[in-house]
Each structure stands twice: as C-alpha cells, then as structure tokens.
Amino acid sequence: MTAPLPDRVALGTMHGKEAVIAPPLAALGVTVVLAEVETDRFGTFSGDVLRAGSMIEAARAKAQAAIAATGLPVGLASEGAYGPHPHFAFLPFGQELLLWLDVRTGQEVVEMTTDMQPSYDQETVADLAAAEAFLTRIGFPETAVIVQPAVTAPPLAKGVTDRALFIAALDHAFRLGGSAHLQTDMRAHMNPRRMSVIAGLAQRLAQRLAVPCPTCAAPGFGRLRSLPGLPCRDCGVETGLIAAEIHGCTACGAEQSRPRDGLADPGHCPSCNP
C-alpha cells in the first residue's frame, strides 16, 4: 500500500526550524503544522540531557512525538550532531538529518548532509580577554553562546546574545571555578549557520519527495547509498572511489543502480599507488 503526499505534516521542534523547512514543502502543497513537543527531552547540545541512541533514532522519536501531539499521520523532525572532525580533530565537523515518517505505511524518507565549516567552537577561558576573543571568533551576537563553569556543572546561561548578560554569567563562572567553559549554542534559532544548513537540507528533502517511485508511486524515490569500486584508469583495479549510487524506494524496496561515468585517477589506486 502506498500513500500520496499529505496536505499537512507535523513538525516537532522548539527552535524555529519551521521557518526554513516549511517553504520547500509548501511548494509541494504540504503545510507544516508546528507540534507542541518538548524536543529537549530527546537530548541537548549543551549536554544537560544526553541523547539516547543515534541521530536517526532521536529524529524518529521527535517525529513520532509530533504525530502523537497533532493526530496527523505524517511527522517530520530534524537532528544534528557537532564535534571534532573524525580524522582531523582540530577541525569542527557537523552532520544534519531530516526524517519524514508516514505511519500510514511505515515509510521513512531520510536526507542527511555534512557541514565542514560549522559555526561550532568551544574553549575554556580564565579571563575576559580570552572570552572576548572567543566571542569574536564565533560571530557573537548573531551566534549565541553557552556559559558554564569549567568544573562539571550544568550551564549557567544558554542562548546568550547580550554582552551584559554574557559578562554576568562569565563572572559567575569565574567565582565558581576560577575559569569558564564557553561553547557555541548549536540550537538552530541561536546559530544562523546551522539554520542555513537545515534550509538546504529541507530543499533536498522536498525535491526527493517530489519524485514518485517508478514501481509503487510512493513519494521519496532517491539516493539510498553508494557503492565503492570505481576502476583505475591505468590498470582497471577497483579503488575506494564511488562506482555507483543506489537509488530506491523506502516504501516498496525497489532499487536502481546508477553507475558513475569515468575512471579513477591512478593516485587513488591501491595497485598503482600502494
């Protein structure tokens, strides 16, 4: 059984993401309904509530909560993860995910992206000069900051965009532990860079939902995974580069392989360049 795109979809968010998610879906005739869901219970960037499970599990839980709160059959949720780059620890790295859940069919459509230049940073500071340098680096006040004592403790202030409030929280942290831990507030409404990434991801999701499955006509036919093995241009040995993308339907399971054109440079070949 397949189901067409709904007239309305429930979005579980507390952080203003509807501003960038709703317009691309409106172009498909789908209205985003904001659900009254306490999404912080699924995890916070500041660490005062740890996320249980993976990104996709957290997004699914948010979508299910949005469905329960509104009674609509389709839910939508966003989830992000930010930290050091997995291979270059001195660089920041971000991942964003949007999940579309249709309980009429059980179908999920997931779009993900990475951000190699996120507005993500953190530092422990012992004086005002170091704190001011941190604020300049992150683009304060457009990007908000979280202040907490350097010792293990809940944040003293989140979403700080006012300099006077920042100084007060900083002084409080200094009195408690001698230094303060500062970090960018990664909630979307407090971080313009992250909001822009979510906007681009919403556009991609809408484009994918506009593509029906050629087998069952369910919306959301698109890229599922990639396959390595692009042959070397000189010797023909398979490399680690992508040889094909697998597009498919998460409703009926139909798949299509879409090979990539061209051959791999020998510099990527395990035989020519061991």
Protein backbone atom coordinates (compact mmCIF):
# COMPACT_ATOMS: atom_id res chain seq x y z
CA MET A 1 0.00 0.00 0.00
CA THR A 2 1.29 3.47 -0.85
CA ALA A 3 0.04 6.86 0.25
CA PRO A 4 0.26 10.21 -1.56
CA LEU A 5 1.85 13.27 -0.08
CA PRO A 6 -0.35 14.57 2.75
CA ASP A 7 -1.89 18.03 2.90
CA ARG A 8 -0.26 18.58 6.29
CA VAL A 9 2.78 17.26 8.13
CA ALA A 10 3.60 17.62 11.84
CA LEU A 11 6.99 19.10 12.69
CA GLY A 12 8.49 18.54 16.11
CA THR A 13 10.74 21.47 17.00
CA MET A 14 11.15 24.14 19.67
CA HIS A 15 13.81 26.11 17.84
CA GLY A 16 12.20 27.85 14.89
CA LYS A 17 13.16 25.34 12.22
CA GLU A 18 9.72 25.68 10.63
CA ALA A 19 10.91 28.99 9.14
CA VAL A 20 13.23 27.16 6.73
CA ILE A 21 11.55 23.75 6.49
CA ALA A 22 8.03 24.93 5.65
CA PRO A 23 8.67 26.88 2.40
CA PRO A 24 10.10 23.99 0.31
CA LEU A 25 7.27 21.71 1.42
CA ALA A 26 4.67 24.40 0.70
CA ALA A 27 5.82 24.29 -2.92
CA LEU A 28 4.63 20.66 -2.93
CA GLY A 29 1.25 21.61 -1.43
CA VAL A 30 2.21 20.35 2.04
CA THR A 31 1.57 22.61 5.05
CA VAL A 32 3.88 22.27 8.04
CA VAL A 33 1.99 22.14 11.35
CA LEU A 34 4.12 23.01 14.36
CA ALA A 35 3.65 20.38 17.08
CA GLU A 36 3.83 21.24 20.77
CA VAL A 37 6.65 18.87 21.64
CA GLU A 38 9.33 19.28 24.31
CA THR A 39 12.14 18.18 22.00
CA ASP A 40 14.89 18.89 24.54
CA ARG A 41 13.91 15.68 26.28
CA PHE A 42 15.48 13.78 23.37
CA GLY A 43 18.88 15.39 24.01
CA THR A 44 20.57 18.79 24.15
CA PHE A 45 23.79 20.09 22.64
CA SER A 46 24.84 21.53 26.00
CA GLY A 47 24.91 18.03 27.46
CA ASP A 48 22.47 18.59 30.32
CA VAL A 49 20.21 16.00 28.61
CA LEU A 50 22.13 13.24 26.83
CA ARG A 51 20.76 11.94 23.55
CA ALA A 52 19.63 8.34 23.79
CA GLY A 53 20.53 6.39 20.67
CA SER A 54 21.65 7.52 17.24
CA MET A 55 20.76 10.65 15.27
CA ILE A 56 18.15 8.78 13.25
CA GLU A 57 16.62 7.26 16.40
CA ALA A 58 16.34 10.69 18.00
CA ALA A 59 14.77 12.17 14.87
CA ARG A 60 12.33 9.27 14.67
CA ALA A 61 11.31 9.80 18.30
CA LYS A 62 10.70 13.51 17.62
CA ALA A 63 8.62 12.71 14.52
CA GLN A 64 6.57 10.16 16.46
CA ALA A 65 6.00 12.69 19.24
CA ALA A 66 4.87 15.29 16.67
CA ILE A 67 2.40 12.78 15.22
CA ALA A 68 1.06 11.97 18.68
CA ALA A 69 0.71 15.66 19.56
CA THR A 70 -1.20 16.62 16.41
CA GLY A 71 -3.02 13.45 15.37
CA LEU A 72 -1.60 13.83 11.85
CA PRO A 73 -0.38 10.67 10.10
CA VAL A 74 2.93 12.10 8.93
CA GLY A 75 5.68 13.58 11.09
CA LEU A 76 8.91 15.37 10.32
CA ALA A 77 11.93 16.02 12.52
CA SER A 78 15.47 17.32 12.36
CA GLU A 79 18.54 16.19 14.28
CA GLY A 80 22.12 17.42 14.27
CA ALA A 81 25.47 16.31 15.67
CA TYR A 82 28.55 18.51 16.04
CA GLY A 83 32.06 17.93 17.29
CA PRO A 84 35.66 17.45 16.16
CA HIS A 85 36.27 16.12 12.65
CA PRO A 86 36.60 12.29 12.76
CA HIS A 87 40.01 12.42 11.01
CA PHE A 88 41.30 15.93 11.80
CA ALA A 89 40.48 16.61 15.44
CA PHE A 90 41.50 20.28 15.19
CA LEU A 91 38.71 20.96 12.69
CA PRO A 92 34.98 21.21 13.50
CA PHE A 93 32.50 18.87 11.83
CA GLY A 94 28.72 18.80 11.62
CA GLN A 95 26.03 16.39 10.47
CA GLU A 96 22.37 17.18 9.86
CA LEU A 97 19.46 14.85 9.26
CA LEU A 98 15.82 15.30 8.28
CA LEU A 99 13.42 12.39 8.73
CA TRP A 100 9.95 12.08 7.19
CA LEU A 101 7.77 9.40 8.82
CA ASP A 102 4.44 8.25 7.40
CA VAL A 103 2.66 5.99 9.91
CA ARG A 104 0.03 5.12 7.30
CA THR A 105 2.61 2.95 5.55
CA GLY A 106 5.57 2.88 7.91
CA GLN A 107 7.67 4.61 5.26
CA GLU A 108 10.63 6.75 6.30
CA VAL A 109 12.46 9.12 3.98
CA VAL A 110 15.77 10.37 5.34
CA GLU A 111 18.08 13.05 3.96
CA MET A 112 21.48 13.76 5.51
CA THR A 113 24.27 16.23 4.90
CA THR A 114 27.61 17.19 6.41
CA ASP A 115 28.92 20.64 7.23
CA MET A 116 32.69 21.02 7.00
CA GLN A 117 32.62 24.62 8.25
CA PRO A 118 30.02 24.73 11.01
CA SER A 119 29.74 27.57 13.48
CA TYR A 120 30.83 25.22 16.25
CA ASP A 121 33.51 26.01 18.82
CA GLN A 122 34.29 25.67 22.49
CA GLU A 123 37.03 26.88 24.81
CA THR A 124 37.86 27.11 28.49
CA VAL A 125 38.89 30.67 29.39
CA ALA A 126 40.38 32.19 32.51
CA ASP A 127 40.00 35.89 31.79
CA LEU A 128 37.85 38.41 29.95
CA ALA A 129 40.36 38.95 27.12
CA ALA A 130 40.26 35.27 26.14
CA ALA A 131 36.46 35.29 26.40
CA GLU A 132 36.20 38.33 24.14
CA ALA A 133 38.46 36.65 21.57
CA PHE A 134 36.15 33.62 21.61
CA LEU A 135 33.10 35.83 21.01
CA THR A 136 34.79 37.48 18.03
CA ARG A 137 35.75 34.11 16.59
CA ILE A 138 32.23 32.67 16.67
CA GLY A 139 30.45 35.76 15.32
CA PHE A 140 28.70 36.83 18.51
CA PRO A 141 25.97 38.04 18.96
CA GLU A 142 24.46 36.54 15.78
CA THR A 143 25.68 33.18 17.05
CA ALA A 144 24.71 32.74 20.70
CA VAL A 145 26.97 31.37 23.39
CA ILE A 146 26.59 28.98 26.31
CA VAL A 147 28.45 29.73 29.56
CA GLN A 148 29.20 27.18 32.26
CA PRO A 149 31.82 26.71 34.98
CA ALA A 150 34.91 24.82 33.87
CA VAL A 151 34.16 22.27 36.59
CA THR A 152 31.50 19.70 35.72
CA ALA A 153 28.23 21.57 36.16
CA PRO A 154 25.07 22.48 34.25
CA PRO A 155 25.24 25.60 32.06
CA LEU A 156 24.80 28.91 33.86
CA ALA A 157 23.35 30.56 30.75
CA LYS A 158 22.26 29.35 27.32
CA GLY A 159 21.33 31.33 24.23
CA VAL A 160 23.29 34.39 25.36
CA THR A 161 23.30 37.17 22.75
CA ASP A 162 23.53 40.16 25.10
CA ARG A 163 27.01 41.29 26.15
CA ALA A 164 25.96 42.43 29.62
CA LEU A 165 24.33 39.05 30.33
CA PHE A 166 27.41 37.32 28.99
CA ILE A 167 29.73 39.26 31.33
CA ALA A 168 27.48 38.49 34.30
CA ALA A 169 27.43 34.76 33.52
CA LEU A 170 31.19 34.78 32.92
CA ASP A 171 31.87 36.43 36.27
CA HIS A 172 29.62 33.87 37.96
CA ALA A 173 31.54 31.02 36.34
CA PHE A 174 34.87 32.53 37.40
CA ARG A 175 33.65 32.77 41.01
CA LEU A 176 32.53 29.15 41.00
CA GLY A 177 35.54 27.50 39.42
CA GLY A 178 38.21 30.03 38.50
CA SER A 179 37.58 29.60 34.79
CA ALA A 180 34.65 29.26 32.42
CA HIS A 181 33.79 26.89 29.60
CA LEU A 182 32.29 28.64 26.59
CA GLN A 183 30.63 26.98 23.61
CA THR A 184 28.57 27.99 20.64
CA ASP A 185 24.85 27.43 21.11
CA MET A 186 24.04 24.88 18.42
CA ARG A 187 20.26 25.21 18.65
CA ALA A 188 19.08 26.27 15.21
CA HIS A 189 17.43 29.53 16.26
CA MET A 190 20.66 30.53 18.01
CA ASN A 191 23.04 29.53 15.23
CA PRO A 192 22.46 31.08 11.77
CA ARG A 193 24.97 28.81 10.08
CA ARG A 194 23.18 25.69 11.29
CA MET A 195 19.80 27.11 10.28
CA SER A 196 21.09 27.70 6.76
CA VAL A 197 22.30 24.09 6.53
CA ILE A 198 18.87 22.85 7.63
CA ALA A 199 17.30 25.09 4.97
CA GLY A 200 19.38 23.45 2.25
CA LEU A 201 18.55 20.00 3.58
CA ALA A 202 14.83 20.82 3.60
CA GLN A 203 15.09 21.81 -0.05
CA ARG A 204 16.74 18.48 -0.84
CA LEU A 205 14.06 16.57 1.05
CA ALA A 206 11.30 18.39 -0.84
CA GLN A 207 12.97 17.63 -4.16
CA ARG A 208 13.17 13.98 -3.21
CA LEU A 209 9.56 13.78 -2.02
CA ALA A 210 8.51 15.16 -5.40
CA VAL A 211 9.92 12.06 -7.11
CA PRO A 212 7.49 9.11 -7.13
CA CYS A 213 8.71 5.53 -7.08
CA PRO A 214 8.51 4.09 -10.64
CA THR A 215 7.27 0.81 -9.16
CA CYS A 216 4.70 1.77 -6.49
CA ALA A 217 4.34 5.57 -6.94
CA ALA A 218 5.20 6.31 -3.29
CA PRO A 219 6.91 9.70 -2.83
CA GLY A 220 10.57 9.97 -1.97
CA PHE A 221 12.39 7.87 -4.56
CA GLY A 222 16.06 8.86 -4.20
CA ARG A 223 19.60 8.05 -3.16
CA LEU A 224 19.91 5.33 -0.53
CA ARG A 225 23.63 4.52 -0.52
CA SER A 226 26.76 4.47 -2.66
CA LEU A 227 28.98 1.61 -3.81
CA PRO A 228 32.80 1.91 -3.99
CA GLY A 229 34.94 0.30 -6.67
CA LEU A 230 35.48 2.84 -9.47
CA PRO A 231 38.13 1.19 -11.70
CA CYS A 232 41.60 2.65 -12.05
CA ARG A 233 42.18 4.41 -15.37
CA ASP A 234 45.57 2.70 -15.87
CA CYS A 235 45.20 -0.86 -14.57
CA GLY A 236 41.46 -1.42 -14.02
CA VAL A 237 41.80 -2.38 -10.35
CA GLU A 238 38.87 -1.29 -8.17
CA THR A 239 39.52 1.76 -5.99
CA GLY A 240 37.75 3.13 -2.96
CA LEU A 241 36.06 5.84 -5.04
CA ILE A 242 32.32 5.63 -5.68
CA ALA A 243 31.43 3.49 -8.67
CA ALA A 244 27.64 3.73 -8.45
CA GLU A 245 24.83 5.24 -6.45
CA ILE A 246 21.84 3.16 -5.43
CA HIS A 247 18.53 5.00 -5.66
CA GLY A 248 15.42 3.41 -4.31
CA CYS A 249 12.07 3.46 -2.58
CA THR A 250 11.75 3.05 1.18
CA ALA A 251 8.10 2.01 0.77
CA CYS A 252 8.32 -0.99 -1.57
CA GLY A 253 12.08 -1.63 -1.66
CA ALA A 254 12.57 -1.09 -5.39
CA GLU A 255 16.14 -0.06 -6.28
CA GLN A 256 18.09 1.22 -9.28
CA SER A 257 21.86 1.29 -9.71
CA ARG A 258 23.21 4.45 -11.30
CA PRO A 259 26.87 3.97 -12.33
CA ARG A 260 29.21 6.93 -12.33
CA ASP A 261 30.93 7.97 -15.52
CA GLY A 262 34.69 7.94 -15.90
CA LEU A 263 37.58 6.13 -14.30
CA ALA A 264 39.67 6.73 -11.19
CA ASP A 265 42.97 8.57 -11.22
CA PRO A 266 45.87 6.15 -10.55
CA GLY A 267 46.69 8.20 -7.45
CA HIS A 268 43.67 6.56 -5.79
CA CYS A 269 44.59 3.05 -6.93
CA PRO A 270 45.85 0.54 -4.33
CA SER A 271 47.87 -1.20 -7.07
CA CYS A 272 49.36 1.76 -8.92
CA ASN A 273 49.86 3.82 -5.76
CA PRO A 274 50.25 1.28 -2.92
